[in-house]
Amino acid sequence: MLAAPESVDLAPLVDGVVLVIRSGSTKRPVALRAAEMLRKSGVRVLGTVLNRRLLEIPDFIYRRI
């Protein structure tokens, strides 16, 4: 969102937004800044999604699948 400032201009045209944050890439201060920018422009932030999170299945569980 910070790389595409037009998203802040388009956001008031919708009922709410969901921030998608890339795991291991997006830093907390950047995500907080993006959410704050949206709130200041009057946009309702519905929540966040943590994307590309790798959860490895332990071997003892994987063998039972």
PDB file of N, CA and C in Angstrom:
ATOM      1  N   MET A   1       0.813  -1.177   0.000  1.00  0.00           N
ATOM      2  CA  MET A   1       0.000   0.000   0.000  1.00  0.00           C
ATOM      3  C   MET A   1       0.867   1.255   0.000  1.00  0.00           C
ATOM      4  N   LEU A   2       1.945   1.230   0.732  1.00  0.00           N
ATOM      5  CA  LEU A   2       2.798   2.411   0.792  1.00  0.00           C
ATOM      6  C   LEU A   2       3.494   2.664  -0.539  1.00  0.00           C
ATOM      7  N   ALA A   3       3.700   1.605  -1.320  1.00  0.00           N
ATOM      8  CA  ALA A   3       4.331   1.746  -2.624  1.00  0.00           C
ATOM      9  C   ALA A   3       3.340   2.229  -3.688  1.00  0.00           C
ATOM     10  N   ALA A   4       2.052   2.093  -3.405  1.00  0.00           N
ATOM     11  CA  ALA A   4       1.012   2.523  -4.352  1.00  0.00           C
ATOM     12  C   ALA A   4       0.081   3.507  -3.647  1.00  0.00           C
ATOM     13  N   PRO A   5       0.429   4.787  -3.622  1.00  0.00           N
ATOM     14  CA  PRO A   5      -0.358   5.764  -2.866  1.00  0.00           C
ATOM     15  C   PRO A   5      -1.797   5.923  -3.353  1.00  0.00           C
ATOM     16  N   GLU A   6      -2.092   5.504  -4.574  1.00  0.00           N
ATOM     17  CA  GLU A   6      -3.469   5.622  -5.053  1.00  0.00           C
ATOM     18  C   GLU A   6      -4.415   4.705  -4.287  1.00  0.00           C
ATOM     19  N   SER A   7      -3.880   3.699  -3.606  1.00  0.00           N
ATOM     20  CA  SER A   7      -4.739   2.817  -2.825  1.00  0.00           C
ATOM     21  C   SER A   7      -5.410   3.568  -1.685  1.00  0.00           C
ATOM     22  N   VAL A   8      -4.746   4.557  -1.120  1.00  0.00           N
ATOM     23  CA  VAL A   8      -5.360   5.373  -0.066  1.00  0.00           C
ATOM     24  C   VAL A   8      -6.487   6.213  -0.654  1.00  0.00           C
ATOM     25  N   ASP A   9      -6.345   6.654  -1.907  1.00  0.00           N
ATOM     26  CA  ASP A   9      -7.389   7.433  -2.563  1.00  0.00           C
ATOM     27  C   ASP A   9      -8.603   6.569  -2.908  1.00  0.00           C
ATOM     28  N   LEU A  10      -8.379   5.305  -3.242  1.00  0.00           N
ATOM     29  CA  LEU A  10      -9.468   4.403  -3.606  1.00  0.00           C
ATOM     30  C   LEU A  10     -10.169   3.798  -2.391  1.00  0.00           C
ATOM     31  N   ALA A  11      -9.480   3.697  -1.293  1.00  0.00           N
ATOM     32  CA  ALA A  11     -10.007   3.025  -0.112  1.00  0.00           C
ATOM     33  C   ALA A  11     -11.332   3.601   0.398  1.00  0.00           C
ATOM     34  N   PRO A  12     -11.543   4.924   0.397  1.00  0.00           N
ATOM     35  CA  PRO A  12     -12.826   5.438   0.885  1.00  0.00           C
ATOM     36  C   PRO A  12     -14.028   5.012   0.039  1.00  0.00           C
ATOM     37  N   LEU A  13     -13.804   4.460  -1.125  1.00  0.00           N
ATOM     38  CA  LEU A  13     -14.897   4.032  -1.991  1.00  0.00           C
ATOM     39  C   LEU A  13     -15.450   2.657  -1.614  1.00  0.00           C
ATOM     40  N   VAL A  14     -14.822   1.986  -0.649  1.00  0.00           N
ATOM     41  CA  VAL A  14     -15.258   0.657  -0.228  1.00  0.00           C
ATOM     42  C   VAL A  14     -15.747   0.695   1.212  1.00  0.00           C
ATOM     43  N   ASP A  15     -16.433  -0.370   1.626  1.00  0.00           N
ATOM     44  CA  ASP A  15     -16.956  -0.443   2.995  1.00  0.00           C
ATOM     45  C   ASP A  15     -15.862  -0.676   4.023  1.00  0.00           C
ATOM     46  N   GLY A  16     -14.810  -1.349   3.630  1.00  0.00           N
ATOM     47  CA  GLY A  16     -13.708  -1.643   4.537  1.00  0.00           C
ATOM     48  C   GLY A  16     -12.573  -2.288   3.770  1.00  0.00           C
ATOM     49  N   VAL A  17     -11.427  -2.356   4.417  1.00  0.00           N
ATOM     50  CA  VAL A  17     -10.253  -2.958   3.788  1.00  0.00           C
ATOM     51  C   VAL A  17      -9.644  -4.005   4.720  1.00  0.00           C
ATOM     52  N   VAL A  18      -8.953  -4.951   4.104  1.00  0.00           N
ATOM     53  CA  VAL A  18      -8.187  -5.958   4.827  1.00  0.00           C
ATOM     54  C   VAL A  18      -6.733  -5.797   4.393  1.00  0.00           C
ATOM     55  N   LEU A  19      -5.852  -5.597   5.338  1.00  0.00           N
ATOM     56  CA  LEU A  19      -4.429  -5.486   5.024  1.00  0.00           C
ATOM     57  C   LEU A  19      -3.830  -6.878   4.891  1.00  0.00           C
ATOM     58  N   VAL A  20      -3.089  -7.105   3.828  1.00  0.00           N
ATOM     59  CA  VAL A  20      -2.390  -8.374   3.629  1.00  0.00           C
ATOM     60  C   VAL A  20      -0.909  -8.105   3.871  1.00  0.00           C
ATOM     61  N   ILE A  21      -0.367  -8.798   4.861  1.00  0.00           N
ATOM     62  CA  ILE A  21       1.014  -8.578   5.288  1.00  0.00           C
ATOM     63  C   ILE A  21       1.825  -9.829   4.978  1.00  0.00           C
ATOM     64  N   ARG A  22       2.949  -9.655   4.322  1.00  0.00           N
ATOM     65  CA  ARG A  22       3.798 -10.793   3.942  1.00  0.00           C
ATOM     66  C   ARG A  22       4.697 -11.193   5.107  1.00  0.00           C
ATOM     67  N   SER A  23       4.591 -12.443   5.495  1.00  0.00           N
ATOM     68  CA  SER A  23       5.368 -12.957   6.610  1.00  0.00           C
ATOM     69  C   SER A  23       6.864 -12.913   6.300  1.00  0.00           C
ATOM     70  N   GLY A  24       7.634 -12.453   7.256  1.00  0.00           N
ATOM     71  CA  GLY A  24       9.078 -12.402   7.105  1.00  0.00           C
ATOM     72  C   GLY A  24       9.579 -11.267   6.248  1.00  0.00           C
ATOM     73  N   SER A  25       8.683 -10.463   5.709  1.00  0.00           N
ATOM     74  CA  SER A  25       9.085  -9.382   4.815  1.00  0.00           C
ATOM     75  C   SER A  25       8.613  -8.018   5.326  1.00  0.00           C
ATOM     76  N   THR A  26       7.352  -7.942   5.686  1.00  0.00           N
ATOM     77  CA  THR A  26       6.782  -6.679   6.148  1.00  0.00           C
ATOM     78  C   THR A  26       7.137  -6.466   7.613  1.00  0.00           C
ATOM     79  N   LYS A  27       7.730  -5.338   7.909  1.00  0.00           N
ATOM     80  CA  LYS A  27       8.101  -5.014   9.283  1.00  0.00           C
ATOM     81  C   LYS A  27       6.906  -4.409  10.014  1.00  0.00           C
ATOM     82  N   ARG A  28       6.851  -4.630  11.299  1.00  0.00           N
ATOM     83  CA  ARG A  28       5.733  -4.157  12.113  1.00  0.00           C
ATOM     84  C   ARG A  28       5.489  -2.653  11.982  1.00  0.00           C
ATOM     85  N   PRO A  29       6.518  -1.790  12.053  1.00  0.00           N
ATOM     86  CA  PRO A  29       6.264  -0.351  11.922  1.00  0.00           C
ATOM     87  C   PRO A  29       5.642   0.034  10.575  1.00  0.00           C
ATOM     88  N   VAL A  30       6.016  -0.687   9.527  1.00  0.00           N
ATOM     89  CA  VAL A  30       5.452  -0.412   8.199  1.00  0.00           C
ATOM     90  C   VAL A  30       3.973  -0.782   8.173  1.00  0.00           C
ATOM     91  N   ALA A  31       3.628  -1.936   8.735  1.00  0.00           N
ATOM     92  CA  ALA A  31       2.229  -2.364   8.777  1.00  0.00           C
ATOM     93  C   ALA A  31       1.396  -1.398   9.624  1.00  0.00           C
ATOM     94  N   LEU A  32       1.937  -0.977  10.750  1.00  0.00           N
ATOM     95  CA  LEU A  32       1.216  -0.022  11.599  1.00  0.00           C
ATOM     96  C   LEU A  32       1.027   1.317  10.902  1.00  0.00           C
ATOM     97  N   ARG A  33       2.029   1.752  10.166  1.00  0.00           N
ATOM     98  CA  ARG A  33       1.929   3.013   9.426  1.00  0.00           C
ATOM     99  C   ARG A  33       0.853   2.924   8.345  1.00  0.00           C
ATOM    100  N   ALA A  34       0.806   1.810   7.647  1.00  0.00           N
ATOM    101  CA  ALA A  34      -0.205   1.621   6.605  1.00  0.00           C
ATOM    102  C   ALA A  34      -1.606   1.644   7.204  1.00  0.00           C
ATOM    103  N   ALA A  35      -1.801   0.947   8.322  1.00  0.00           N
ATOM    104  CA  ALA A  35      -3.110   0.936   8.974  1.00  0.00           C
ATOM    105  C   ALA A  35      -3.491   2.336   9.459  1.00  0.00           C
ATOM    106  N   GLU A  36      -2.535   3.054   9.996  1.00  0.00           N
ATOM    107  CA  GLU A  36      -2.800   4.413  10.476  1.00  0.00           C
ATOM    108  C   GLU A  36      -3.158   5.351   9.320  1.00  0.00           C
ATOM    109  N   MET A  37      -2.476   5.213   8.194  1.00  0.00           N
ATOM    110  CA  MET A  37      -2.804   6.043   7.024  1.00  0.00           C
ATOM    111  C   MET A  37      -4.241   5.802   6.573  1.00  0.00           C
ATOM    112  N   LEU A  38      -4.655   4.545   6.591  1.00  0.00           N
ATOM    113  CA  LEU A  38      -6.022   4.221   6.200  1.00  0.00           C
ATOM    114  C   LEU A  38      -7.029   4.801   7.182  1.00  0.00           C
ATOM    115  N   ARG A  39      -6.762   4.634   8.456  1.00  0.00           N
ATOM    116  CA  ARG A  39      -7.688   5.162   9.467  1.00  0.00           C
ATOM    117  C   ARG A  39      -7.814   6.685   9.378  1.00  0.00           C
ATOM    118  N   LYS A  40      -6.692   7.364   9.158  1.00  0.00           N
ATOM    119  CA  LYS A  40      -6.725   8.828   9.053  1.00  0.00           C
ATOM    120  C   LYS A  40      -7.511   9.296   7.834  1.00  0.00           C
ATOM    121  N   SER A  41      -7.566   8.471   6.796  1.00  0.00           N
ATOM    122  CA  SER A  41      -8.327   8.851   5.612  1.00  0.00           C
ATOM    123  C   SER A  41      -9.795   8.426   5.738  1.00  0.00           C
ATOM    124  N   GLY A  42     -10.173   7.910   6.908  1.00  0.00           N
ATOM    125  CA  GLY A  42     -11.567   7.576   7.168  1.00  0.00           C
ATOM    126  C   GLY A  42     -11.977   6.181   6.727  1.00  0.00           C
ATOM    127  N   VAL A  43     -11.015   5.322   6.485  1.00  0.00           N
ATOM    128  CA  VAL A  43     -11.293   3.964   6.016  1.00  0.00           C
ATOM    129  C   VAL A  43     -11.400   3.030   7.204  1.00  0.00           C
ATOM    130  N   ARG A  44     -12.335   2.126   7.121  1.00  0.00           N
ATOM    131  CA  ARG A  44     -12.512   1.127   8.175  1.00  0.00           C
ATOM    132  C   ARG A  44     -11.597  -0.063   7.882  1.00  0.00           C
ATOM    133  N   VAL A  45     -10.657  -0.324   8.770  1.00  0.00           N
ATOM    134  CA  VAL A  45      -9.741  -1.465   8.627  1.00  0.00           C
ATOM    135  C   VAL A  45     -10.409  -2.664   9.300  1.00  0.00           C
ATOM    136  N   LEU A  46     -10.779  -3.659   8.487  1.00  0.00           N
ATOM    137  CA  LEU A  46     -11.501  -4.820   8.999  1.00  0.00           C
ATOM    138  C   LEU A  46     -10.578  -5.817   9.688  1.00  0.00           C
ATOM    139  N   GLY A  47      -9.332  -5.869   9.248  1.00  0.00           N
ATOM    140  CA  GLY A  47      -8.387  -6.807   9.844  1.00  0.00           C
ATOM    141  C   GLY A  47      -7.165  -6.973   8.982  1.00  0.00           C
ATOM    142  N   THR A  48      -6.381  -7.984   9.323  1.00  0.00           N
ATOM    143  CA  THR A  48      -5.157  -8.263   8.573  1.00  0.00           C
ATOM    144  C   THR A  48      -5.071  -9.747   8.261  1.00  0.00           C
ATOM    145  N   VAL A  49      -4.330 -10.054   7.215  1.00  0.00           N
ATOM    146  CA  VAL A  49      -4.041 -11.439   6.835  1.00  0.00           C
ATOM    147  C   VAL A  49      -2.531 -11.579   6.762  1.00  0.00           C
ATOM    148  N   LEU A  50      -2.020 -12.599   7.436  1.00  0.00           N
ATOM    149  CA  LEU A  50      -0.591 -12.895   7.365  1.00  0.00           C
ATOM    150  C   LEU A  50      -0.390 -13.893   6.236  1.00  0.00           C
ATOM    151  N   ASN A  51       0.278 -13.460   5.191  1.00  0.00           N
ATOM    152  CA  ASN A  51       0.423 -14.241   3.968  1.00  0.00           C
ATOM    153  C   ASN A  51       1.814 -14.883   3.893  1.00  0.00           C
ATOM    154  N   ARG A  52       1.884 -16.029   3.241  1.00  0.00           N
ATOM    155  CA  ARG A  52       3.136 -16.752   2.978  1.00  0.00           C
ATOM    156  C   ARG A  52       3.845 -17.223   4.246  1.00  0.00           C
ATOM    157  N   ARG A  53       3.087 -17.570   5.255  1.00  0.00           N
ATOM    158  CA  ARG A  53       3.659 -18.122   6.479  1.00  0.00           C
ATOM    159  C   ARG A  53       3.896 -19.604   6.264  1.00  0.00           C
ATOM    160  N   LEU A  54       5.106 -20.075   6.494  1.00  0.00           N
ATOM    161  CA  LEU A  54       5.433 -21.484   6.329  1.00  0.00           C
ATOM    162  C   LEU A  54       5.319 -22.198   7.669  1.00  0.00           C
ATOM    163  N   LEU A  55       4.440 -23.168   7.699  1.00  0.00           N
ATOM    164  CA  LEU A  55       4.298 -23.997   8.894  1.00  0.00           C
ATOM    165  C   LEU A  55       4.640 -25.427   8.495  1.00  0.00           C
ATOM    166  N   GLU A  56       5.730 -25.882   8.979  1.00  0.00           N
ATOM    167  CA  GLU A  56       6.157 -27.230   8.630  1.00  0.00           C
ATOM    168  C   GLU A  56       5.446 -28.234   9.523  1.00  0.00           C
ATOM    169  N   ILE A  57       5.036 -29.336   8.910  1.00  0.00           N
ATOM    170  CA  ILE A  57       4.379 -30.406   9.657  1.00  0.00           C
ATOM    171  C   ILE A  57       5.464 -31.287  10.265  1.00  0.00           C
ATOM    172  N   PRO A  58       5.433 -31.483  11.583  1.00  0.00           N
ATOM    173  CA  PRO A  58       6.431 -32.354  12.207  1.00  0.00           C
ATOM    174  C   PRO A  58       6.350 -33.779  11.637  1.00  0.00           C
ATOM    175  N   ASP A  59       7.486 -34.458  11.589  1.00  0.00           N
ATOM    176  CA  ASP A  59       7.561 -35.800  10.996  1.00  0.00           C
ATOM    177  C   ASP A  59       6.574 -36.784  11.618  1.00  0.00           C
ATOM    178  N   PHE A  60       6.423 -36.766  12.937  1.00  0.00           N
ATOM    179  CA  PHE A  60       5.543 -37.742  13.581  1.00  0.00           C
ATOM    180  C   PHE A  60       4.081 -37.534  13.180  1.00  0.00           C
ATOM    181  N   ILE A  61       3.693 -36.323  12.881  1.00  0.00           N
ATOM    182  CA  ILE A  61       2.321 -36.063  12.391  1.00  0.00           C
ATOM    183  C   ILE A  61       2.245 -36.373  10.895  1.00  0.00           C
ATOM    184  N   TYR A  62       3.247 -36.000  10.146  1.00  0.00           N
ATOM    185  CA  TYR A  62       3.255 -36.219   8.696  1.00  0.00           C
ATOM    186  C   TYR A  62       3.132 -37.717   8.374  1.00  0.00           C
ATOM    187  N   ARG A  63       3.763 -38.579   9.165  1.00  0.00           N
ATOM    188  CA  ARG A  63       3.704 -40.017   8.919  1.00  0.00           C
ATOM    189  C   ARG A  63       2.292 -40.584   9.109  1.00  0.00           C
ATOM    190  N   ARG A  64       1.483 -39.930   9.919  1.00  0.00           N
ATOM    191  CA  ARG A  64       0.117 -40.403  10.183  1.00  0.00           C
ATOM    192  C   ARG A  64      -0.871 -39.959   9.114  1.00  0.00           C
ATOM    193  N   ILE A  65      -0.482 -39.021   8.312  1.00  0.00           N
ATOM    194  CA  ILE A  65      -1.391 -38.487   7.277  1.00  0.00           C
ATOM    195  C   ILE A  65      -1.483 -39.444   6.124  1.00  0.00           C
TER     196      ILE A  65
END
